[in-house]
Amino acid sequence: MSNANYHIIGLMSGTSGDGLDVAYCHFEKSDLWQFEILEAITIPFPDQLGEQLQKAHLLNALDLHYLDVAFGKWMGQEVKQFCSKKQISPIAICSHGHTVFHQPQKGLSLQIGNGWALHQASEMKVINDFRMLDVQLGGQGAPLVPIGDQLLFPHLDFCINLGGISNISMQWKGERIAFDCSPFNLLLNPIAEKLGSPYDRDGQWAREGQVDAELLEKLNQVPFYQKKGAKSLGREDMDEVFSPIIQSSNAPEKDKLATLTEHYAIQIAQIIQAYALHEKPKVLLSGGGAYHTYFIERLHHQLQGNWQQFEASNELIEFKEALIFGFLGVLRLRGESNCLASVTHASRDSSGGTIFG
């Protein structure tokens, strides 16, 4: 496509599993890519659908296919309603879908949210299934966001997403690299729930706690941190490695929050210091953890003030992933690479995504 002006919708299932992030975005290509999030909303999942998505990996084959179609149809209906209300006409909907299985070592990555069902219900062009081509090329099929970091935020040294797990992307030796840094909300939120809230707002409870030196040492000694290069964490690592360490500690809940926060600050600061190309690198923090002000203070302390936090809008913090999936769709329509082999370790860069309509 020669057109360099795109209005498009990116869809991302919220990492907490409570809703669908919808971002209506404008992208324009001149010398560099420019973008704007024009409208954005998180649509809560209906209770039954939310429960089914959480348990999707346990369903039999037929029920999983039913859910695939039902979820695609629901997303299509919601986006059609959103577009009608806002009086907008995007050129396409770019959907990440809901990941049920991700086993790249076996050549598999399954995201449900059927493309034809989404296309019919929305009456719009749809692009989905962004991961599978890379997996077939021997890659991990993840992470996909770094090409967006590279092309949309070229002025930043580090892009860090603080979701259930923290991850980072940056330029290194002429190419984009990315990997998971540490757990994040997947470990913090269950402790906050014991204290009576879904999460620790602004890190207030962590601030009130004391760092437990023994627990901190055990966390810092987890073998994951010794791995070099591309590496990732999953729920299995929380269950098998991190949670047992936390549960074996007798520290009060607030002390556990303080200790985890210090642990994350230490691990992320070490990565920034190892890869920084100049004294005060510019860093974008996005995802729910970007509101954890106590964590940001501890990161500042661990970096001895040698960094600059990029001032991001709330929309960018909350909808960056949906924005970038919209952008991956633009690159797919242009026939340009939207998945980097330097990140996923595939045999080559590729332009992934199946187009419906």
Protein backbone atom coordinates (compact mmCIF):
# COMPACT_ATOMS: atom_id res chain seq x y z
CA MET A 1 0.00 0.00 0.00
CA SER A 2 1.41 3.37 -1.00
CA ASN A 3 -0.95 5.26 1.35
CA ALA A 4 0.96 6.58 4.37
CA ASN A 5 -2.06 7.62 6.44
CA TYR A 6 -3.99 5.05 8.48
CA HIS A 7 -6.91 5.08 10.91
CA ILE A 8 -7.06 1.65 12.50
CA ILE A 9 -8.20 -0.17 15.66
CA GLY A 10 -5.94 -2.32 17.84
CA LEU A 11 -7.45 -4.87 20.23
CA MET A 12 -5.70 -6.43 23.20
CA SER A 13 -7.14 -8.67 25.90
CA GLY A 14 -6.14 -6.97 29.15
CA THR A 15 -3.33 -8.86 30.87
CA SER A 16 -5.41 -9.10 34.04
CA GLY A 17 -8.06 -10.94 32.03
CA ASP A 18 -10.85 -8.53 32.95
CA GLY A 19 -11.54 -6.81 29.65
CA LEU A 20 -10.77 -5.90 26.06
CA ASP A 21 -8.54 -2.88 25.37
CA VAL A 22 -9.72 -1.02 22.25
CA ALA A 23 -7.52 1.72 20.79
CA TYR A 24 -8.56 3.74 17.73
CA CYS A 25 -5.31 5.12 16.39
CA HIS A 26 -3.94 7.29 13.61
CA PHE A 27 -0.59 6.41 12.05
CA GLU A 28 1.26 8.51 9.49
CA LYS A 29 4.54 7.80 7.74
CA SER A 30 6.84 10.60 6.66
CA ASP A 31 10.55 10.30 7.46
CA LEU A 32 9.53 8.66 10.74
CA TRP A 33 6.29 7.09 11.90
CA GLN A 34 3.95 9.39 13.84
CA PHE A 35 1.01 8.13 15.89
CA GLU A 36 -1.90 9.32 17.96
CA ILE A 37 -4.37 7.43 20.15
CA LEU A 38 -7.63 9.14 19.18
CA GLU A 39 -10.07 7.10 21.29
CA ALA A 40 -9.46 4.29 23.76
CA ILE A 41 -11.61 2.23 26.08
CA THR A 42 -11.44 -0.99 28.10
CA ILE A 43 -14.62 -3.01 27.66
CA PRO A 44 -15.19 -5.43 30.58
CA PHE A 45 -15.81 -9.05 29.66
CA PRO A 46 -19.30 -10.33 30.51
CA ASP A 47 -18.91 -12.58 33.58
CA GLN A 48 -19.50 -15.86 31.76
CA LEU A 49 -17.18 -14.99 28.85
CA GLY A 50 -14.47 -13.84 31.24
CA GLU A 51 -14.67 -17.11 33.18
CA GLN A 52 -14.56 -19.17 29.97
CA LEU A 53 -11.49 -17.28 28.72
CA GLN A 54 -9.69 -17.86 32.02
CA LYS A 55 -10.33 -21.61 31.73
CA ALA A 56 -9.95 -21.88 27.95
CA HIS A 57 -6.84 -24.07 28.23
CA LEU A 58 -8.89 -26.70 30.08
CA LEU A 59 -11.73 -26.99 27.51
CA ASN A 60 -12.22 -29.94 25.16
CA ALA A 61 -11.65 -29.34 21.44
CA LEU A 62 -15.30 -28.72 20.52
CA ASP A 63 -15.96 -26.29 23.40
CA LEU A 64 -12.75 -24.43 22.59
CA HIS A 65 -13.96 -23.97 18.99
CA TYR A 66 -17.31 -22.70 20.28
CA LEU A 67 -15.49 -20.19 22.50
CA ASP A 68 -13.22 -19.14 19.61
CA VAL A 69 -16.26 -18.20 17.52
CA ALA A 70 -18.23 -16.68 20.41
CA PHE A 71 -15.29 -14.48 21.48
CA GLY A 72 -14.69 -13.31 17.89
CA LYS A 73 -18.37 -12.46 17.50
CA TRP A 74 -18.48 -10.61 20.83
CA MET A 75 -15.40 -8.53 19.94
CA GLY A 76 -16.90 -7.71 16.53
CA GLN A 77 -20.19 -6.58 18.05
CA GLU A 78 -18.45 -4.45 20.67
CA VAL A 79 -16.16 -2.77 18.12
CA LYS A 80 -19.07 -2.10 15.75
CA GLN A 81 -20.97 -0.45 18.62
CA PHE A 82 -17.86 1.55 19.63
CA CYS A 83 -17.35 2.79 16.05
CA SER A 84 -21.02 3.71 15.69
CA LYS A 85 -21.01 5.64 18.97
CA LYS A 86 -17.79 7.50 18.10
CA GLN A 87 -18.79 7.89 14.40
CA ILE A 88 -15.48 6.50 13.17
CA SER A 89 -14.56 4.29 10.19
CA PRO A 90 -11.25 2.47 10.70
CA ILE A 91 -9.70 0.66 7.73
CA ALA A 92 -9.25 -2.52 9.79
CA ILE A 93 -9.42 -4.14 13.23
CA CYS A 94 -6.13 -5.67 14.39
CA SER A 95 -6.75 -8.25 17.09
CA HIS A 96 -4.20 -9.97 19.31
CA GLY A 97 -6.82 -12.44 20.55
CA HIS A 98 -6.72 -14.44 23.76
CA THR A 99 -3.75 -16.77 24.12
CA VAL A 100 -4.78 -20.30 25.07
CA PHE A 101 -1.62 -22.25 24.23
CA HIS A 102 1.86 -20.89 23.56
CA GLN A 103 4.36 -23.70 22.96
CA PRO A 104 6.73 -22.43 20.26
CA GLN A 105 9.14 -25.32 20.90
CA LYS A 106 6.36 -27.55 19.50
CA GLY A 107 5.51 -25.14 16.67
CA LEU A 108 2.31 -23.95 18.32
CA SER A 109 0.82 -20.64 19.40
CA LEU A 110 -2.97 -20.39 19.64
CA GLN A 111 -4.87 -17.13 20.11
CA ILE A 112 -8.66 -17.43 19.95
CA GLY A 113 -11.14 -14.81 18.75
CA ASN A 114 -12.15 -16.17 15.33
CA GLY A 115 -11.24 -13.84 12.47
CA TRP A 116 -14.26 -14.63 10.29
CA ALA A 117 -16.65 -14.22 13.22
CA LEU A 118 -15.00 -10.91 14.13
CA HIS A 119 -15.13 -9.78 10.48
CA GLN A 120 -18.83 -10.66 10.05
CA ALA A 121 -19.96 -9.16 13.35
CA SER A 122 -18.03 -5.91 12.84
CA GLU A 123 -18.49 -5.68 9.05
CA MET A 124 -14.84 -4.57 8.82
CA LYS A 125 -11.53 -5.94 7.58
CA VAL A 126 -9.79 -7.93 10.31
CA ILE A 127 -6.16 -8.91 10.88
CA ASN A 128 -5.32 -11.46 13.55
CA ASP A 129 -3.07 -14.49 14.26
CA PHE A 130 0.10 -12.38 14.40
CA ARG A 131 2.31 -15.01 16.07
CA MET A 132 2.06 -18.24 14.08
CA LEU A 133 4.21 -17.34 11.05
CA ASP A 134 7.15 -16.46 13.28
CA VAL A 135 6.70 -19.72 15.21
CA GLN A 136 6.80 -21.67 11.93
CA LEU A 137 10.03 -19.84 11.10
CA GLY A 138 11.56 -21.26 14.28
CA GLY A 139 10.89 -18.19 16.43
CA GLN A 140 9.23 -17.75 19.81
CA GLY A 141 6.30 -15.84 18.29
CA ALA A 142 6.94 -13.31 21.06
CA PRO A 143 7.45 -10.61 22.01
CA LEU A 144 5.80 -8.76 19.10
CA VAL A 145 5.75 -5.26 20.60
CA PRO A 146 9.49 -4.40 20.09
CA ILE A 147 9.13 -3.45 16.40
CA GLY A 148 6.55 -0.89 17.54
CA ASP A 149 9.00 0.33 20.17
CA GLN A 150 11.69 0.66 17.51
CA LEU A 151 9.61 2.51 14.91
CA LEU A 152 7.25 4.55 17.11
CA PHE A 153 9.67 5.47 19.93
CA PRO A 154 13.09 5.75 18.23
CA HIS A 155 14.06 8.63 20.56
CA LEU A 156 13.83 6.42 23.67
CA ASP A 157 16.61 4.18 24.97
CA PHE A 158 14.43 1.67 26.82
CA CYS A 159 10.75 0.70 26.64
CA ILE A 160 9.69 -1.21 29.76
CA ASN A 161 6.24 -2.71 30.23
CA LEU A 162 5.26 -3.41 33.82
CA GLY A 163 2.35 -5.84 33.57
CA GLY A 164 1.95 -9.26 35.12
CA ILE A 165 5.60 -9.71 34.14
CA SER A 166 8.06 -6.91 33.37
CA ASN A 167 9.78 -6.84 30.00
CA ILE A 168 12.17 -4.51 28.22
CA SER A 169 13.19 -3.67 24.66
CA MET A 170 16.12 -1.60 23.35
CA GLN A 171 18.60 -1.17 20.52
CA TRP A 172 21.84 -3.10 21.09
CA LYS A 173 24.73 -3.50 18.65
CA GLY A 174 22.62 -2.31 15.72
CA GLU A 175 19.53 -4.43 16.29
CA ARG A 176 16.45 -4.57 18.48
CA ILE A 177 16.52 -6.97 21.40
CA ALA A 178 13.92 -7.67 24.07
CA PHE A 179 13.35 -10.03 26.98
CA ASP A 180 11.50 -10.44 30.27
CA CYS A 181 13.15 -8.75 33.26
CA SER A 182 11.30 -10.10 36.30
CA PRO A 183 7.83 -10.94 37.56
CA PHE A 184 5.75 -7.91 38.47
CA ASN A 185 2.00 -7.72 39.21
CA LEU A 186 1.56 -11.50 39.04
CA LEU A 187 3.33 -11.67 42.41
CA LEU A 188 2.31 -8.31 43.90
CA ASN A 189 -1.45 -8.53 43.34
CA PRO A 190 -2.12 -11.80 45.24
CA ILE A 191 -0.40 -10.31 48.30
CA ALA A 192 -2.44 -7.09 47.98
CA GLU A 193 -5.60 -9.23 47.79
CA LYS A 194 -4.74 -10.71 51.20
CA LEU A 195 -4.64 -7.14 52.52
CA GLY A 196 -8.08 -6.45 51.02
CA SER A 197 -7.48 -4.81 47.64
CA PRO A 198 -6.98 -6.13 44.06
CA TYR A 199 -3.65 -4.27 43.90
CA ASP A 200 -1.36 -2.07 45.98
CA ARG A 201 -2.42 1.42 44.84
CA ASP A 202 0.68 3.57 44.14
CA GLY A 203 2.71 1.02 46.14
CA GLN A 204 1.48 2.52 49.43
CA TRP A 205 1.61 -0.78 51.32
CA ALA A 206 5.05 -1.60 49.91
CA ARG A 207 6.20 1.82 51.14
CA GLU A 208 4.95 1.01 54.64
CA GLY A 209 6.75 -2.34 54.72
CA GLN A 210 10.37 -3.21 55.51
CA VAL A 211 12.67 -5.08 53.12
CA ASP A 212 13.32 -8.62 54.38
CA ALA A 213 17.02 -9.25 53.66
CA GLU A 214 16.74 -13.06 53.61
CA LEU A 215 13.76 -13.06 51.22
CA LEU A 216 15.45 -10.48 48.99
CA GLU A 217 18.59 -12.59 48.73
CA LYS A 218 16.60 -15.71 47.78
CA LEU A 219 14.70 -13.81 45.07
CA ASN A 220 17.88 -12.31 43.62
CA GLN A 221 19.43 -15.81 43.44
CA VAL A 222 16.69 -17.27 41.18
CA PRO A 223 18.52 -18.97 38.24
CA PHE A 224 16.46 -17.00 35.65
CA TYR A 225 18.57 -13.92 36.39
CA GLN A 226 21.78 -15.70 35.37
CA LYS A 227 20.48 -16.42 31.85
CA LYS A 228 21.82 -14.19 29.09
CA GLY A 229 20.07 -13.10 25.88
CA ALA A 230 16.45 -13.86 24.99
CA LYS A 231 14.55 -15.20 27.99
CA SER A 232 10.98 -15.25 29.17
CA LEU A 233 8.89 -15.95 32.25
CA GLY A 234 5.45 -17.56 32.43
CA ARG A 235 2.83 -18.44 35.00
CA GLU A 236 4.56 -21.78 35.44
CA ASP A 237 7.64 -19.94 36.78
CA MET A 238 5.48 -18.11 39.31
CA ASP A 239 3.94 -21.38 40.53
CA GLU A 240 7.12 -23.45 40.53
CA VAL A 241 9.87 -20.96 41.43
CA PHE A 242 8.81 -17.57 42.82
CA SER A 243 5.64 -18.30 44.81
CA PRO A 244 7.26 -21.08 46.91
CA ILE A 245 10.05 -18.65 47.88
CA ILE A 246 7.51 -16.02 48.96
CA GLN A 247 5.31 -18.53 50.79
CA SER A 248 8.29 -19.94 52.70
CA SER A 249 8.93 -16.50 54.21
CA ASN A 250 7.35 -15.55 57.52
CA ALA A 251 7.57 -11.84 56.70
CA PRO A 252 4.34 -9.80 57.06
CA GLU A 253 2.47 -9.05 53.80
CA LYS A 254 3.59 -5.42 53.61
CA ASP A 255 7.22 -6.52 54.08
CA LYS A 256 6.78 -8.99 51.23
CA LEU A 257 5.49 -6.18 49.01
CA ALA A 258 8.41 -3.95 50.00
CA THR A 259 10.88 -6.77 49.33
CA LEU A 260 9.42 -7.68 45.94
CA THR A 261 9.44 -4.00 44.93
CA GLU A 262 13.11 -3.70 45.91
CA HIS A 263 13.87 -6.94 44.06
CA TYR A 264 12.26 -5.64 40.84
CA ALA A 265 14.07 -2.30 41.14
CA ILE A 266 17.43 -4.07 41.56
CA GLN A 267 16.90 -6.42 38.59
CA ILE A 268 15.58 -3.77 36.20
CA ALA A 269 18.25 -1.24 37.21
CA GLN A 270 20.97 -3.82 36.50
CA ILE A 271 19.63 -4.33 32.97
CA ILE A 272 19.45 -0.58 32.29
CA GLN A 273 23.00 -0.12 33.59
CA ALA A 274 24.29 -3.04 31.48
CA TYR A 275 22.74 -1.82 28.22
CA ALA A 276 22.74 1.99 28.60
CA LEU A 277 24.65 3.71 25.81
CA HIS A 278 24.93 7.02 27.65
CA GLU A 279 24.80 8.37 31.19
CA LYS A 280 21.12 9.34 31.44
CA PRO A 281 19.08 7.01 29.22
CA LYS A 282 15.45 7.88 28.43
CA VAL A 283 13.03 5.24 29.68
CA LEU A 284 9.33 4.71 28.92
CA LEU A 285 7.37 2.85 31.61
CA SER A 286 3.97 1.47 30.56
CA GLY A 287 1.44 -1.01 31.93
CA GLY A 288 -0.22 -1.00 35.34
CA GLY A 289 3.11 -0.96 37.19
CA ALA A 290 3.84 2.50 35.77
CA TYR A 291 1.47 3.82 38.46
CA HIS A 292 3.49 2.14 41.25
CA THR A 293 5.18 5.33 42.42
CA TYR A 294 7.12 3.59 45.19
CA PHE A 295 8.67 1.18 42.66
CA ILE A 296 9.71 4.15 40.50
CA GLU A 297 11.35 5.79 43.53
CA ARG A 298 13.27 2.59 44.29
CA LEU A 299 14.32 2.23 40.63
CA HIS A 300 15.56 5.84 40.75
CA HIS A 301 17.54 4.97 43.89
CA GLN A 302 19.07 1.84 42.34
CA LEU A 303 20.04 3.83 39.22
CA GLN A 304 21.54 6.57 41.44
CA GLY A 305 19.39 9.05 39.53
CA ASN A 306 21.12 8.26 36.23
CA TRP A 307 18.05 8.02 33.99
CA GLN A 308 15.20 10.11 32.59
CA GLN A 309 11.63 8.86 32.80
CA PHE A 310 9.71 9.70 29.63
CA GLU A 311 6.47 11.52 30.49
CA ALA A 312 3.75 9.28 29.09
CA SER A 313 0.03 10.04 28.98
CA ASN A 314 -2.33 7.74 30.87
CA GLU A 315 -3.64 6.53 27.49
CA LEU A 316 -0.17 5.52 26.37
CA ILE A 317 0.56 3.81 29.70
CA GLU A 318 -2.69 1.83 29.57
CA PHE A 319 -3.19 1.23 25.84
CA LYS A 320 0.34 0.91 24.46
CA GLU A 321 -0.08 -2.78 23.58
CA ALA A 322 -3.40 -2.19 21.77
CA LEU A 323 -1.76 0.74 19.95
CA ILE A 324 1.11 -1.44 18.80
CA PHE A 325 -1.14 -4.26 17.60
CA GLY A 326 -2.90 -1.64 15.46
CA PHE A 327 0.54 -0.69 14.14
CA LEU A 328 1.46 -4.33 13.43
CA GLY A 329 -1.68 -4.45 11.28
CA VAL A 330 -0.59 -1.34 9.37
CA LEU A 331 2.80 -2.94 8.65
CA ARG A 332 1.03 -6.15 7.55
CA LEU A 333 -1.17 -4.19 5.12
CA ARG A 334 1.96 -2.49 3.75
CA GLY A 335 3.68 -5.87 3.33
CA GLU A 336 6.47 -4.77 5.67
CA SER A 337 8.11 -6.79 8.43
CA ASN A 338 6.21 -6.65 11.70
CA CYS A 339 8.15 -9.32 13.60
CA LEU A 340 11.88 -9.15 14.28
CA ALA A 341 14.09 -12.23 14.17
CA SER A 342 16.59 -10.42 16.43
CA VAL A 343 13.89 -10.55 19.13
CA THR A 344 12.19 -13.91 18.53
CA HIS A 345 15.22 -15.81 17.14
CA ALA A 346 13.29 -16.91 14.02
CA SER A 347 15.20 -17.70 10.81
CA ARG A 348 14.21 -14.29 9.35
CA ASP A 349 12.08 -11.19 9.88
CA SER A 350 8.51 -11.67 8.75
CA SER A 351 5.16 -9.96 8.16
CA GLY A 352 2.70 -12.01 10.19
CA GLY A 353 -1.07 -11.79 10.47
CA THR A 354 -4.05 -13.33 8.65
CA ILE A 355 -6.33 -10.89 6.81
CA PHE A 356 -10.11 -11.46 6.72
CA GLY A 357 -12.32 -9.46 4.36
